[in-house]
Amino acid sequence: MMFRGGGRGSGAAAFPRFDVADDASDHSYLTTKKKDENRLPNISKDAPKKIMREWKILEKHLPDSISVRVYANRIDLMTAVIVGSPGTPYHDGLYFFDIRFSPDYPNSPPWVRYRSYGMRINPNLYASGRVCLSLINTWEGRSSSEKWIPGKSTILQLLISIQGLVLNEKPYYNEPYAAVGEFWGELLFGGRQSSAYSEDAYLLCCKTVLHLLRKPPRNFESFVRSHFRERGFGILAAMMAYRNGECRVGYYGIGGGGGGSSALARKGRPSRKFKAGIKELVPQLATALAKTGASVGNFVEQLEGEKVERGVDIWAYLSHPALFGALVGLAIISFVLFYFDP
């Protein structure tokens, strides 16, 4: 078929960014009935032509960090994988989305479902697989210009929006109630709520890697193995750097992250919960990554050689901006009452 293309380079880079596949059997929008696998549902007479236009746009303009598979017998379906961007809690991860074109496409936006494995890694990506985004009309948005515009909005725009606006640097502020307070949250609390959310999201992303390695999505098996074989050592090194507070979650390798001195890579203060989560996940990931042929270093041995932490990290509590501010305020009030008590 005209859409089948070759890869670029070797390993994960050799995996064609866009290609036509024959087997859509594990697509989440298919029913459990085998006969539905190759049966095209009722769609408008203009939809196939519009869908083919989308195929051409994707084949020509997909960035290296996004790959798509469409299906020869079910042109209404496609699956996309997005590589998490550097500088975010999602870096080096793979995030899969199943897409189905609506019957009256493009008058209505496509339906999108995230392969979540039961985990909510982002305010916009539910554990159920629901994707909350104004572009596909599953969120009201701030204005009508953010919604799906027939004849103008595209699948490429959708995928880039998910990568840049959803899987972003500070996902905590994707929450509607948090977004309005980002300035004050950073100013008064030093972004602690955001950092805590990023820690939790990162741990869930690490668990997602385990699920993908156990059972890669169909048509992406070689890509998943190659991707994690090439990035396995870096993933484990980042996990250890975050656990040791060498840099904030998401910034390993950014501006000197992992021991650098830039503002982006400044040292983190990981929570006990996060450190415990990393300690639990590193051995599991090291074992799974080693099966792909990835170099896994001696990170597991480093963890096993550590002394058990005991007691309460009192400085972690005292350094919390909110508590620190309250203590300073209390000290000032005590001083005034003591010296000016009539």
C-alpha atoms as a PDB file:
ATOM      1  CA  MET A   1       0.000   0.000   0.000  1.00  0.00           C
ATOM      2  CA  MET A   2       1.194   3.544  -0.659  1.00  0.00           C
ATOM      3  CA  PHE A   3       1.249   4.382   3.027  1.00  0.00           C
ATOM      4  CA  ARG A   4       3.693   1.692   4.121  1.00  0.00           C
ATOM      5  CA  GLY A   5       7.061   3.253   4.857  1.00  0.00           C
ATOM      6  CA  GLY A   6      10.514   2.249   5.921  1.00  0.00           C
ATOM      7  CA  GLY A   7      12.229   3.029   9.209  1.00  0.00           C
ATOM      8  CA  ARG A   8      14.959   5.505  10.011  1.00  0.00           C
ATOM      9  CA  GLY A   9      18.221   4.274  11.451  1.00  0.00           C
ATOM     10  CA  SER A  10      18.312   1.274  13.767  1.00  0.00           C
ATOM     11  CA  GLY A  11      16.582   0.125  16.961  1.00  0.00           C
ATOM     12  CA  ALA A  12      13.565   2.217  17.928  1.00  0.00           C
ATOM     13  CA  ALA A  13      14.516   4.732  15.224  1.00  0.00           C
ATOM     14  CA  ALA A  14      13.966   2.030  12.578  1.00  0.00           C
ATOM     15  CA  PHE A  15      10.316   1.720  13.550  1.00  0.00           C
ATOM     16  CA  PRO A  16       8.239   3.593  10.929  1.00  0.00           C
ATOM     17  CA  ARG A  17       6.461   6.558  12.464  1.00  0.00           C
ATOM     18  CA  PHE A  18       3.390   5.825  10.335  1.00  0.00           C
ATOM     19  CA  ASP A  19       2.293   2.509   8.865  1.00  0.00           C
ATOM     20  CA  VAL A  20      -0.736   0.405   7.995  1.00  0.00           C
ATOM     21  CA  ALA A  21      -1.320  -2.729  10.074  1.00  0.00           C
ATOM     22  CA  ASP A  22      -3.656  -5.664   9.517  1.00  0.00           C
ATOM     23  CA  ASP A  23      -4.374  -6.739  13.094  1.00  0.00           C
ATOM     24  CA  ALA A  24      -6.543  -4.431  15.204  1.00  0.00           C
ATOM     25  CA  SER A  25      -7.685  -7.158  17.596  1.00  0.00           C
ATOM     26  CA  ASP A  26      -6.472  -5.472  20.813  1.00  0.00           C
ATOM     27  CA  HIS A  27      -7.848  -2.033  19.959  1.00  0.00           C
ATOM     28  CA  SER A  28      -9.962  -0.804  22.877  1.00  0.00           C
ATOM     29  CA  TYR A  29     -12.810   0.401  20.641  1.00  0.00           C
ATOM     30  CA  LEU A  30     -13.408  -3.055  19.196  1.00  0.00           C
ATOM     31  CA  THR A  31     -16.130  -5.180  20.729  1.00  0.00           C
ATOM     32  CA  THR A  32     -15.369  -8.642  22.062  1.00  0.00           C
ATOM     33  CA  LYS A  33     -17.020 -10.245  19.058  1.00  0.00           C
ATOM     34  CA  LYS A  34     -14.482 -11.611  16.590  1.00  0.00           C
ATOM     35  CA  LYS A  35     -16.698 -10.808  13.623  1.00  0.00           C
ATOM     36  CA  ASP A  36     -16.561  -7.090  14.432  1.00  0.00           C
ATOM     37  CA  GLU A  37     -12.802  -7.007  13.949  1.00  0.00           C
ATOM     38  CA  ASN A  38     -13.016  -6.564  10.192  1.00  0.00           C
ATOM     39  CA  ARG A  39     -16.462  -4.996   9.924  1.00  0.00           C
ATOM     40  CA  LEU A  40     -16.493  -1.298   9.139  1.00  0.00           C
ATOM     41  CA  PRO A  41     -19.278   0.445  11.087  1.00  0.00           C
ATOM     42  CA  ASN A  42     -21.751   2.826   9.542  1.00  0.00           C
ATOM     43  CA  ILE A  43     -19.980   6.065   8.699  1.00  0.00           C
ATOM     44  CA  SER A  44     -20.918   8.964   6.463  1.00  0.00           C
ATOM     45  CA  LYS A  45     -20.081   8.709   2.776  1.00  0.00           C
ATOM     46  CA  ASP A  46     -17.577  11.556   3.078  1.00  0.00           C
ATOM     47  CA  ALA A  47     -15.761  10.141   6.110  1.00  0.00           C
ATOM     48  CA  PRO A  48     -13.391   7.726   4.269  1.00  0.00           C
ATOM     49  CA  LYS A  49     -12.036  10.544   2.118  1.00  0.00           C
ATOM     50  CA  LYS A  50     -11.484  12.734   5.170  1.00  0.00           C
ATOM     51  CA  ILE A  51      -9.820   9.881   7.045  1.00  0.00           C
ATOM     52  CA  MET A  52      -7.436   9.259   4.140  1.00  0.00           C
ATOM     53  CA  ARG A  53      -6.524  12.933   4.288  1.00  0.00           C
ATOM     54  CA  GLU A  54      -5.625  12.466   7.950  1.00  0.00           C
ATOM     55  CA  TRP A  55      -3.449   9.487   7.023  1.00  0.00           C
ATOM     56  CA  LYS A  56      -1.484  11.598   4.550  1.00  0.00           C
ATOM     57  CA  ILE A  57      -0.988  14.411   7.063  1.00  0.00           C
ATOM     58  CA  LEU A  58       0.294  11.995   9.685  1.00  0.00           C
ATOM     59  CA  GLU A  59       2.586  10.175   7.266  1.00  0.00           C
ATOM     60  CA  LYS A  60       4.198  13.447   6.231  1.00  0.00           C
ATOM     61  CA  HIS A  61       4.286  15.475   9.440  1.00  0.00           C
ATOM     62  CA  LEU A  62       4.537  13.172  12.472  1.00  0.00           C
ATOM     63  CA  PRO A  63       7.416  14.177  14.776  1.00  0.00           C
ATOM     64  CA  ASP A  64       9.962  11.537  15.786  1.00  0.00           C
ATOM     65  CA  SER A  65       8.389  11.309  19.245  1.00  0.00           C
ATOM     66  CA  ILE A  66       4.993  10.092  17.980  1.00  0.00           C
ATOM     67  CA  SER A  67       4.167   6.917  16.040  1.00  0.00           C
ATOM     68  CA  VAL A  68       0.821   5.834  14.589  1.00  0.00           C
ATOM     69  CA  ARG A  69      -0.650   2.603  13.258  1.00  0.00           C
ATOM     70  CA  VAL A  70      -3.802   2.609  11.158  1.00  0.00           C
ATOM     71  CA  TYR A  71      -5.687  -0.500  10.080  1.00  0.00           C
ATOM     72  CA  ALA A  72      -6.315  -1.724   6.557  1.00  0.00           C
ATOM     73  CA  ASN A  73      -9.703  -3.311   7.336  1.00  0.00           C
ATOM     74  CA  ARG A  74     -10.840  -0.742   9.896  1.00  0.00           C
ATOM     75  CA  ILE A  75      -9.994   2.726   8.607  1.00  0.00           C
ATOM     76  CA  ASP A  76     -12.085   4.205  11.412  1.00  0.00           C
ATOM     77  CA  LEU A  77      -9.487   3.049  13.975  1.00  0.00           C
ATOM     78  CA  MET A  78      -5.893   3.986  14.770  1.00  0.00           C
ATOM     79  CA  THR A  79      -3.443   3.623  17.643  1.00  0.00           C
ATOM     80  CA  ALA A  80      -0.818   6.214  18.584  1.00  0.00           C
ATOM     81  CA  VAL A  81       2.123   6.116  20.952  1.00  0.00           C
ATOM     82  CA  ILE A  82       3.703   9.248  22.384  1.00  0.00           C
ATOM     83  CA  VAL A  83       7.193   9.346  23.875  1.00  0.00           C
ATOM     84  CA  GLY A  84       7.259  11.431  27.053  1.00  0.00           C
ATOM     85  CA  SER A  85       9.187  14.677  26.683  1.00  0.00           C
ATOM     86  CA  PRO A  86      12.369  15.607  28.599  1.00  0.00           C
ATOM     87  CA  GLY A  87      11.764  18.010  31.473  1.00  0.00           C
ATOM     88  CA  THR A  88       8.492  16.331  32.488  1.00  0.00           C
ATOM     89  CA  PRO A  89       7.600  13.492  34.893  1.00  0.00           C
ATOM     90  CA  TYR A  90       6.718  11.522  31.758  1.00  0.00           C
ATOM     91  CA  HIS A  91      10.173  11.523  30.170  1.00  0.00           C
ATOM     92  CA  ASP A  92      11.323   8.324  28.453  1.00  0.00           C
ATOM     93  CA  GLY A  93       7.924   6.674  28.956  1.00  0.00           C
ATOM     94  CA  LEU A  94       5.563   5.418  26.254  1.00  0.00           C
ATOM     95  CA  TYR A  95       1.895   6.449  26.315  1.00  0.00           C
ATOM     96  CA  PHE A  96      -0.587   4.669  24.057  1.00  0.00           C
ATOM     97  CA  PHE A  97      -3.880   6.056  22.793  1.00  0.00           C
ATOM     98  CA  ASP A  98      -6.606   4.265  20.853  1.00  0.00           C
ATOM     99  CA  ILE A  99      -8.556   6.499  18.485  1.00  0.00           C
ATOM    100  CA  ARG A 100     -11.829   5.968  16.658  1.00  0.00           C
ATOM    101  CA  PHE A 101     -13.241   8.330  14.072  1.00  0.00           C
ATOM    102  CA  SER A 102     -16.821   9.391  14.743  1.00  0.00           C
ATOM    103  CA  PRO A 103     -19.486   8.238  12.227  1.00  0.00           C
ATOM    104  CA  ASP A 104     -19.916  11.801  10.890  1.00  0.00           C
ATOM    105  CA  TYR A 105     -16.217  12.700  10.974  1.00  0.00           C
ATOM    106  CA  PRO A 106     -14.996  15.442  10.735  1.00  0.00           C
ATOM    107  CA  ASN A 107     -18.182  17.160  11.899  1.00  0.00           C
ATOM    108  CA  SER A 108     -17.647  15.533  15.305  1.00  0.00           C
ATOM    109  CA  PRO A 109     -14.261  14.963  16.947  1.00  0.00           C
ATOM    110  CA  PRO A 110     -12.709  11.507  17.178  1.00  0.00           C
ATOM    111  CA  TRP A 111     -13.083   9.376  20.296  1.00  0.00           C
ATOM    112  CA  VAL A 112      -9.866   8.843  22.219  1.00  0.00           C
ATOM    113  CA  ARG A 113      -8.992   6.377  24.964  1.00  0.00           C
ATOM    114  CA  TYR A 114      -5.732   6.194  26.890  1.00  0.00           C
ATOM    115  CA  ARG A 115      -4.310   2.754  27.737  1.00  0.00           C
ATOM    116  CA  SER A 116      -4.045   3.444  31.449  1.00  0.00           C
ATOM    117  CA  TYR A 117      -3.601  -0.027  32.976  1.00  0.00           C
ATOM    118  CA  GLY A 118      -5.898   1.234  35.716  1.00  0.00           C
ATOM    119  CA  MET A 119      -3.670   4.160  36.733  1.00  0.00           C
ATOM    120  CA  ARG A 120      -4.315   7.895  36.580  1.00  0.00           C
ATOM    121  CA  ILE A 121      -0.987   9.476  35.671  1.00  0.00           C
ATOM    122  CA  ASN A 122      -2.412  12.903  34.845  1.00  0.00           C
ATOM    123  CA  PRO A 123      -5.481  15.011  35.718  1.00  0.00           C
ATOM    124  CA  ASN A 124      -6.574  14.737  32.073  1.00  0.00           C
ATOM    125  CA  LEU A 125      -6.011  10.990  31.739  1.00  0.00           C
ATOM    126  CA  TYR A 126      -8.379   8.950  33.881  1.00  0.00           C
ATOM    127  CA  ALA A 127      -7.783   5.443  35.171  1.00  0.00           C
ATOM    128  CA  SER A 128     -10.779   4.390  33.064  1.00  0.00           C
ATOM    129  CA  GLY A 129      -8.953   5.542  29.914  1.00  0.00           C
ATOM    130  CA  ARG A 130     -11.050   8.673  29.481  1.00  0.00           C
ATOM    131  CA  VAL A 131      -9.144  11.594  27.955  1.00  0.00           C
ATOM    132  CA  CYS A 132     -10.346  14.971  29.183  1.00  0.00           C
ATOM    133  CA  LEU A 133      -9.455  17.574  26.551  1.00  0.00           C
ATOM    134  CA  SER A 134     -11.316  20.520  25.088  1.00  0.00           C
ATOM    135  CA  LEU A 135     -10.128  19.707  21.555  1.00  0.00           C
ATOM    136  CA  ILE A 136     -12.230  16.523  21.539  1.00  0.00           C
ATOM    137  CA  ASN A 137     -15.086  18.207  23.415  1.00  0.00           C
ATOM    138  CA  THR A 138     -14.639  16.196  26.618  1.00  0.00           C
ATOM    139  CA  TRP A 139     -13.786  19.367  28.536  1.00  0.00           C
ATOM    140  CA  GLU A 140     -15.462  22.753  28.225  1.00  0.00           C
ATOM    141  CA  GLY A 141     -12.218  24.701  27.822  1.00  0.00           C
ATOM    142  CA  ARG A 142     -11.771  28.442  28.138  1.00  0.00           C
ATOM    143  CA  SER A 143     -13.151  29.406  24.729  1.00  0.00           C
ATOM    144  CA  SER A 144     -14.796  27.947  21.637  1.00  0.00           C
ATOM    145  CA  SER A 145     -11.489  28.241  19.764  1.00  0.00           C
ATOM    146  CA  GLU A 146     -10.094  25.422  21.929  1.00  0.00           C
ATOM    147  CA  LYS A 147     -12.786  22.997  20.782  1.00  0.00           C
ATOM    148  CA  TRP A 148     -12.888  20.763  17.733  1.00  0.00           C
ATOM    149  CA  ILE A 149     -13.343  22.792  14.524  1.00  0.00           C
ATOM    150  CA  PRO A 150     -14.646  20.669  11.602  1.00  0.00           C
ATOM    151  CA  GLY A 151     -12.438  20.930   8.541  1.00  0.00           C
ATOM    152  CA  LYS A 152      -9.637  22.609  10.499  1.00  0.00           C
ATOM    153  CA  SER A 153      -8.759  20.450  13.500  1.00  0.00           C
ATOM    154  CA  THR A 154      -6.696  17.330  12.776  1.00  0.00           C
ATOM    155  CA  ILE A 155      -5.474  14.145  14.457  1.00  0.00           C
ATOM    156  CA  LEU A 156      -1.922  15.491  14.280  1.00  0.00           C
ATOM    157  CA  GLN A 157      -3.030  18.576  16.211  1.00  0.00           C
ATOM    158  CA  LEU A 158      -4.714  16.318  18.758  1.00  0.00           C
ATOM    159  CA  LEU A 159      -1.616  14.170  19.341  1.00  0.00           C
ATOM    160  CA  ILE A 160       0.701  17.156  19.645  1.00  0.00           C
ATOM    161  CA  SER A 161      -1.742  18.757  22.090  1.00  0.00           C
ATOM    162  CA  ILE A 162      -1.708  15.649  24.277  1.00  0.00           C
ATOM    163  CA  GLN A 163       2.076  15.564  24.230  1.00  0.00           C
ATOM    164  CA  GLY A 164       2.595  19.263  24.931  1.00  0.00           C
ATOM    165  CA  LEU A 165      -0.435  20.356  26.963  1.00  0.00           C
ATOM    166  CA  VAL A 166      -1.333  17.188  28.872  1.00  0.00           C
ATOM    167  CA  LEU A 167       1.965  15.350  29.400  1.00  0.00           C
ATOM    168  CA  ASN A 168       3.645  18.553  30.507  1.00  0.00           C
ATOM    169  CA  GLU A 169       6.213  19.794  33.015  1.00  0.00           C
ATOM    170  CA  LYS A 170       3.807  20.437  35.911  1.00  0.00           C
ATOM    171  CA  PRO A 171       0.702  18.256  35.454  1.00  0.00           C
ATOM    172  CA  TYR A 172      -0.682  19.244  38.868  1.00  0.00           C
ATOM    173  CA  TYR A 173      -1.765  22.556  37.374  1.00  0.00           C
ATOM    174  CA  ASN A 174      -3.866  20.774  34.748  1.00  0.00           C
ATOM    175  CA  GLU A 175      -6.474  20.450  37.495  1.00  0.00           C
ATOM    176  CA  PRO A 176      -9.039  23.257  37.062  1.00  0.00           C
ATOM    177  CA  TYR A 177      -8.922  24.232  40.729  1.00  0.00           C
ATOM    178  CA  ALA A 178      -5.109  24.253  40.736  1.00  0.00           C
ATOM    179  CA  ALA A 179      -4.562  26.103  37.460  1.00  0.00           C
ATOM    180  CA  VAL A 180      -6.006  29.371  38.775  1.00  0.00           C
ATOM    181  CA  GLY A 181      -3.624  29.259  41.717  1.00  0.00           C
ATOM    182  CA  GLU A 182      -0.370  28.326  39.984  1.00  0.00           C
ATOM    183  CA  PHE A 183       1.277  31.684  40.684  1.00  0.00           C
ATOM    184  CA  TRP A 184       0.368  31.665  44.375  1.00  0.00           C
ATOM    185  CA  GLY A 185       1.091  27.963  44.722  1.00  0.00           C
ATOM    186  CA  GLU A 186       4.623  28.487  43.493  1.00  0.00           C
ATOM    187  CA  LEU A 187       5.132  31.689  45.454  1.00  0.00           C
ATOM    188  CA  LEU A 188       3.723  30.693  48.844  1.00  0.00           C
ATOM    189  CA  PHE A 189       4.335  26.955  48.927  1.00  0.00           C
ATOM    190  CA  GLY A 190       7.352  26.620  46.670  1.00  0.00           C
ATOM    191  CA  GLY A 191       5.405  24.348  44.356  1.00  0.00           C
ATOM    192  CA  ARG A 192       5.277  21.564  46.952  1.00  0.00           C
ATOM    193  CA  GLN A 193       1.821  20.385  45.866  1.00  0.00           C
ATOM    194  CA  SER A 194       2.997  20.305  42.253  1.00  0.00           C
ATOM    195  CA  SER A 195       6.188  18.450  43.176  1.00  0.00           C
ATOM    196  CA  ALA A 196       4.241  15.887  45.216  1.00  0.00           C
ATOM    197  CA  TYR A 197       1.886  15.290  42.272  1.00  0.00           C
ATOM    198  CA  SER A 198       4.833  14.875  39.902  1.00  0.00           C
ATOM    199  CA  GLU A 199       6.384  12.326  42.256  1.00  0.00           C
ATOM    200  CA  ASP A 200       3.182  10.276  42.288  1.00  0.00           C
ATOM    201  CA  ALA A 201       2.781  10.577  38.510  1.00  0.00           C
ATOM    202  CA  TYR A 202       6.370   9.479  37.954  1.00  0.00           C
ATOM    203  CA  LEU A 203       5.943   6.359  40.075  1.00  0.00           C
ATOM    204  CA  LEU A 204       2.821   5.444  38.098  1.00  0.00           C
ATOM    205  CA  CYS A 205       4.706   5.984  34.845  1.00  0.00           C
ATOM    206  CA  CYS A 206       7.401   3.578  36.046  1.00  0.00           C
ATOM    207  CA  LYS A 207       4.686   1.020  36.764  1.00  0.00           C
ATOM    208  CA  THR A 208       3.303   1.629  33.263  1.00  0.00           C
ATOM    209  CA  VAL A 209       6.692   0.618  31.855  1.00  0.00           C
ATOM    210  CA  LEU A 210       6.374  -2.728  33.633  1.00  0.00           C
ATOM    211  CA  HIS A 211       2.940  -3.323  32.081  1.00  0.00           C
ATOM    212  CA  LEU A 212       4.204  -2.430  28.605  1.00  0.00           C
ATOM    213  CA  LEU A 213       7.183  -4.751  28.886  1.00  0.00           C
ATOM    214  CA  ARG A 214       5.005  -7.634  30.070  1.00  0.00           C
ATOM    215  CA  LYS A 215       2.529  -7.256  27.227  1.00  0.00           C
ATOM    216  CA  PRO A 216       3.337  -4.663  24.541  1.00  0.00           C
ATOM    217  CA  PRO A 217       0.395  -3.378  22.464  1.00  0.00           C
ATOM    218  CA  ARG A 218      -0.062  -5.303  19.233  1.00  0.00           C
ATOM    219  CA  ASN A 219       1.873  -3.930  16.238  1.00  0.00           C
ATOM    220  CA  PHE A 220       4.235  -2.075  18.600  1.00  0.00           C
ATOM    221  CA  GLU A 221       6.074  -5.040  20.149  1.00  0.00           C
ATOM    222  CA  SER A 222       9.446  -4.387  18.497  1.00  0.00           C
ATOM    223  CA  PHE A 223       9.238  -0.664  19.163  1.00  0.00           C
ATOM    224  CA  VAL A 224       8.533  -1.124  22.870  1.00  0.00           C
ATOM    225  CA  ARG A 225      11.442  -3.530  23.289  1.00  0.00           C
ATOM    226  CA  SER A 226      13.881  -1.372  21.325  1.00  0.00           C
ATOM    227  CA  HIS A 227      12.828   1.830  23.050  1.00  0.00           C
ATOM    228  CA  PHE A 228      13.356   0.486  26.550  1.00  0.00           C
ATOM    229  CA  ARG A 229      16.500  -1.415  25.590  1.00  0.00           C
ATOM    230  CA  GLU A 230      18.040   1.868  24.455  1.00  0.00           C
ATOM    231  CA  ARG A 231      16.767   3.966  27.360  1.00  0.00           C
ATOM    232  CA  GLY A 232      16.770   1.413  30.169  1.00  0.00           C
ATOM    233  CA  PHE A 233      20.012   2.535  31.813  1.00  0.00           C
ATOM    234  CA  GLY A 234      18.956   6.188  31.683  1.00  0.00           C
ATOM    235  CA  ILE A 235      15.563   5.391  33.203  1.00  0.00           C
ATOM    236  CA  LEU A 236      17.160   3.588  36.152  1.00  0.00           C
ATOM    237  CA  ALA A 237      19.794   6.308  36.566  1.00  0.00           C
ATOM    238  CA  ALA A 238      17.050   8.957  36.668  1.00  0.00           C
ATOM    239  CA  MET A 239      15.092   6.995  39.271  1.00  0.00           C
ATOM    240  CA  MET A 240      18.145   6.839  41.534  1.00  0.00           C
ATOM    241  CA  ALA A 241      18.964  10.517  40.987  1.00  0.00           C
ATOM    242  CA  TYR A 242      15.438  11.547  41.981  1.00  0.00           C
ATOM    243  CA  ARG A 243      15.475   9.269  45.013  1.00  0.00           C
ATOM    244  CA  ASN A 244      18.791  10.722  46.150  1.00  0.00           C
ATOM    245  CA  GLY A 245      17.563  14.291  45.678  1.00  0.00           C
ATOM    246  CA  GLU A 246      20.176  15.083  43.028  1.00  0.00           C
ATOM    247  CA  CYS A 247      17.547  16.897  40.955  1.00  0.00           C
ATOM    248  CA  ARG A 248      13.809  17.420  40.842  1.00  0.00           C
ATOM    249  CA  VAL A 249      11.560  14.787  39.299  1.00  0.00           C
ATOM    250  CA  GLY A 250      11.492  15.241  35.544  1.00  0.00           C
ATOM    251  CA  TYR A 251      14.778  17.072  35.183  1.00  0.00           C
ATOM    252  CA  TYR A 252      17.359  14.324  34.999  1.00  0.00           C
ATOM    253  CA  GLY A 253      19.767  15.234  32.200  1.00  0.00           C
ATOM    254  CA  ILE A 254      18.209  18.700  31.767  1.00  0.00           C
ATOM    255  CA  GLY A 255      20.565  21.648  32.260  1.00  0.00           C
ATOM    256  CA  GLY A 256      22.945  19.488  34.248  1.00  0.00           C
ATOM    257  CA  GLY A 257      20.198  17.522  35.979  1.00  0.00           C
ATOM    258  CA  GLY A 258      21.569  14.658  38.003  1.00  0.00           C
ATOM    259  CA  GLY A 259      24.080  16.826  39.781  1.00  0.00           C
ATOM    260  CA  GLY A 260      24.015  20.035  37.721  1.00  0.00           C
ATOM    261  CA  SER A 261      23.609  23.552  39.048  1.00  0.00           C
ATOM    262  CA  SER A 262      21.030  25.158  36.761  1.00  0.00           C
ATOM    263  CA  ALA A 263      17.669  26.357  38.090  1.00  0.00           C
ATOM    264  CA  LEU A 264      15.889  23.522  36.303  1.00  0.00           C
ATOM    265  CA  ALA A 265      18.168  20.891  37.774  1.00  0.00           C
ATOM    266  CA  ARG A 266      18.306  22.183  41.330  1.00  0.00           C
ATOM    267  CA  LYS A 267      18.320  19.560  44.023  1.00  0.00           C
ATOM    268  CA  GLY A 268      15.033  17.983  45.002  1.00  0.00           C
ATOM    269  CA  ARG A 269      13.680  16.992  48.382  1.00  0.00           C
ATOM    270  CA  PRO A 270      11.957  13.667  47.730  1.00  0.00           C
ATOM    271  CA  SER A 271       9.281  12.499  50.138  1.00  0.00           C
ATOM    272  CA  ARG A 272       9.645   9.292  52.130  1.00  0.00           C
ATOM    273  CA  LYS A 273       6.746   7.823  50.185  1.00  0.00           C
ATOM    274  CA  PHE A 274       8.479   8.555  46.887  1.00  0.00           C
ATOM    275  CA  LYS A 275      11.827   7.153  48.027  1.00  0.00           C
ATOM    276  CA  ALA A 276      10.121   3.966  49.208  1.00  0.00           C
ATOM    277  CA  GLY A 277       8.292   3.679  45.888  1.00  0.00           C
ATOM    278  CA  ILE A 278      11.511   4.011  43.907  1.00  0.00           C
ATOM    279  CA  LYS A 279      13.249   1.452  46.110  1.00  0.00           C
ATOM    280  CA  GLU A 280      10.453  -1.011  45.395  1.00  0.00           C
ATOM    281  CA  LEU A 281      10.333  -0.358  41.644  1.00  0.00           C
ATOM    282  CA  VAL A 282      14.030  -0.267  40.720  1.00  0.00           C
ATOM    283  CA  PRO A 283      14.609  -4.036  41.174  1.00  0.00           C
ATOM    284  CA  GLN A 284      11.427  -4.864  39.259  1.00  0.00           C
ATOM    285  CA  LEU A 285      12.310  -2.551  36.382  1.00  0.00           C
ATOM    286  CA  ALA A 286      15.918  -3.682  36.309  1.00  0.00           C
ATOM    287  CA  THR A 287      14.785  -7.286  35.882  1.00  0.00           C
ATOM    288  CA  ALA A 288      12.258  -6.404  33.169  1.00  0.00           C
ATOM    289  CA  LEU A 289      14.659  -4.097  31.308  1.00  0.00           C
ATOM    290  CA  ALA A 290      17.474  -6.653  31.401  1.00  0.00           C
ATOM    291  CA  LYS A 291      15.242  -9.038  29.429  1.00  0.00           C
ATOM    292  CA  THR A 292      15.222  -6.522  26.550  1.00  0.00           C
ATOM    293  CA  GLY A 293      19.022  -6.463  26.522  1.00  0.00           C
ATOM    294  CA  ALA A 294      19.275  -3.107  28.287  1.00  0.00           C
ATOM    295  CA  SER A 295      22.264  -2.297  30.485  1.00  0.00           C
ATOM    296  CA  VAL A 296      20.989  -2.035  34.059  1.00  0.00           C
ATOM    297  CA  GLY A 297      24.191  -1.140  35.909  1.00  0.00           C
ATOM    298  CA  ASN A 298      24.488  -1.842  39.626  1.00  0.00           C
ATOM    299  CA  PHE A 299      21.572   0.257  40.832  1.00  0.00           C
ATOM    300  CA  VAL A 300      19.916  -2.665  42.617  1.00  0.00           C
ATOM    301  CA  GLU A 301      23.140  -3.387  44.493  1.00  0.00           C
ATOM    302  CA  GLN A 302      23.343   0.284  45.509  1.00  0.00           C
ATOM    303  CA  LEU A 303      19.906   0.077  47.046  1.00  0.00           C
ATOM    304  CA  GLU A 304      20.654  -3.162  48.840  1.00  0.00           C
ATOM    305  CA  GLY A 305      23.785  -1.628  50.363  1.00  0.00           C
ATOM    306  CA  GLU A 306      21.970   1.378  51.820  1.00  0.00           C
ATOM    307  CA  LYS A 307      21.321   1.727  55.517  1.00  0.00           C
ATOM    308  CA  VAL A 308      17.687   1.643  56.585  1.00  0.00           C
ATOM    309  CA  GLU A 309      16.361   5.139  57.240  1.00  0.00           C
ATOM    310  CA  ARG A 310      14.931   5.681  60.677  1.00  0.00           C
ATOM    311  CA  GLY A 311      13.191   8.485  62.465  1.00  0.00           C
ATOM    312  CA  VAL A 312      11.397  11.519  61.104  1.00  0.00           C
ATOM    313  CA  ASP A 313      13.042  13.908  58.676  1.00  0.00           C
ATOM    314  CA  ILE A 314      12.282  16.974  60.782  1.00  0.00           C
ATOM    315  CA  TRP A 315      14.116  19.310  58.432  1.00  0.00           C
ATOM    316  CA  ALA A 316      11.899  18.246  55.560  1.00  0.00           C
ATOM    317  CA  TYR A 317       8.889  19.384  57.567  1.00  0.00           C
ATOM    318  CA  LEU A 318      10.461  22.600  58.834  1.00  0.00           C
ATOM    319  CA  SER A 319      11.584  23.563  55.338  1.00  0.00           C
ATOM    320  CA  HIS A 320       8.060  23.268  53.970  1.00  0.00           C
ATOM    321  CA  PRO A 321       7.199  26.861  52.909  1.00  0.00           C
ATOM    322  CA  ALA A 322       3.721  26.818  54.461  1.00  0.00           C
ATOM    323  CA  LEU A 323       4.928  25.546  57.838  1.00  0.00           C
ATOM    324  CA  PHE A 324       7.987  27.765  57.772  1.00  0.00           C
ATOM    325  CA  GLY A 325       5.811  30.818  57.128  1.00  0.00           C
ATOM    326  CA  ALA A 326       3.453  29.837  59.948  1.00  0.00           C
ATOM    327  CA  LEU A 327       6.362  29.405  62.374  1.00  0.00           C
ATOM    328  CA  VAL A 328       7.819  32.782  61.414  1.00  0.00           C
ATOM    329  CA  GLY A 329       4.424  34.413  61.892  1.00  0.00           C
ATOM    330  CA  LEU A 330       3.996  32.741  65.270  1.00  0.00           C
ATOM    331  CA  ALA A 331       7.455  33.891  66.338  1.00  0.00           C
ATOM    332  CA  ILE A 332       6.662  37.496  65.397  1.00  0.00           C
ATOM    333  CA  ILE A 333       3.360  37.431  67.280  1.00  0.00           C
ATOM    334  CA  SER A 334       5.058  35.928  70.347  1.00  0.00           C
ATOM    335  CA  PHE A 335       7.753  38.602  70.225  1.00  0.00           C
ATOM    336  CA  VAL A 336       5.193  41.424  70.035  1.00  0.00           C
ATOM    337  CA  LEU A 337       3.074  39.995  72.857  1.00  0.00           C
ATOM    338  CA  PHE A 338       6.100  39.413  75.103  1.00  0.00           C
ATOM    339  CA  TYR A 339       7.689  42.833  74.724  1.00  0.00           C
ATOM    340  CA  PHE A 340       4.588  44.947  74.444  1.00  0.00           C
ATOM    341  CA  ASP A 341       2.349  43.201  76.950  1.00  0.00           C
ATOM    342  CA  PRO A 342       0.751  45.970  79.032  1.00  0.00           C
END
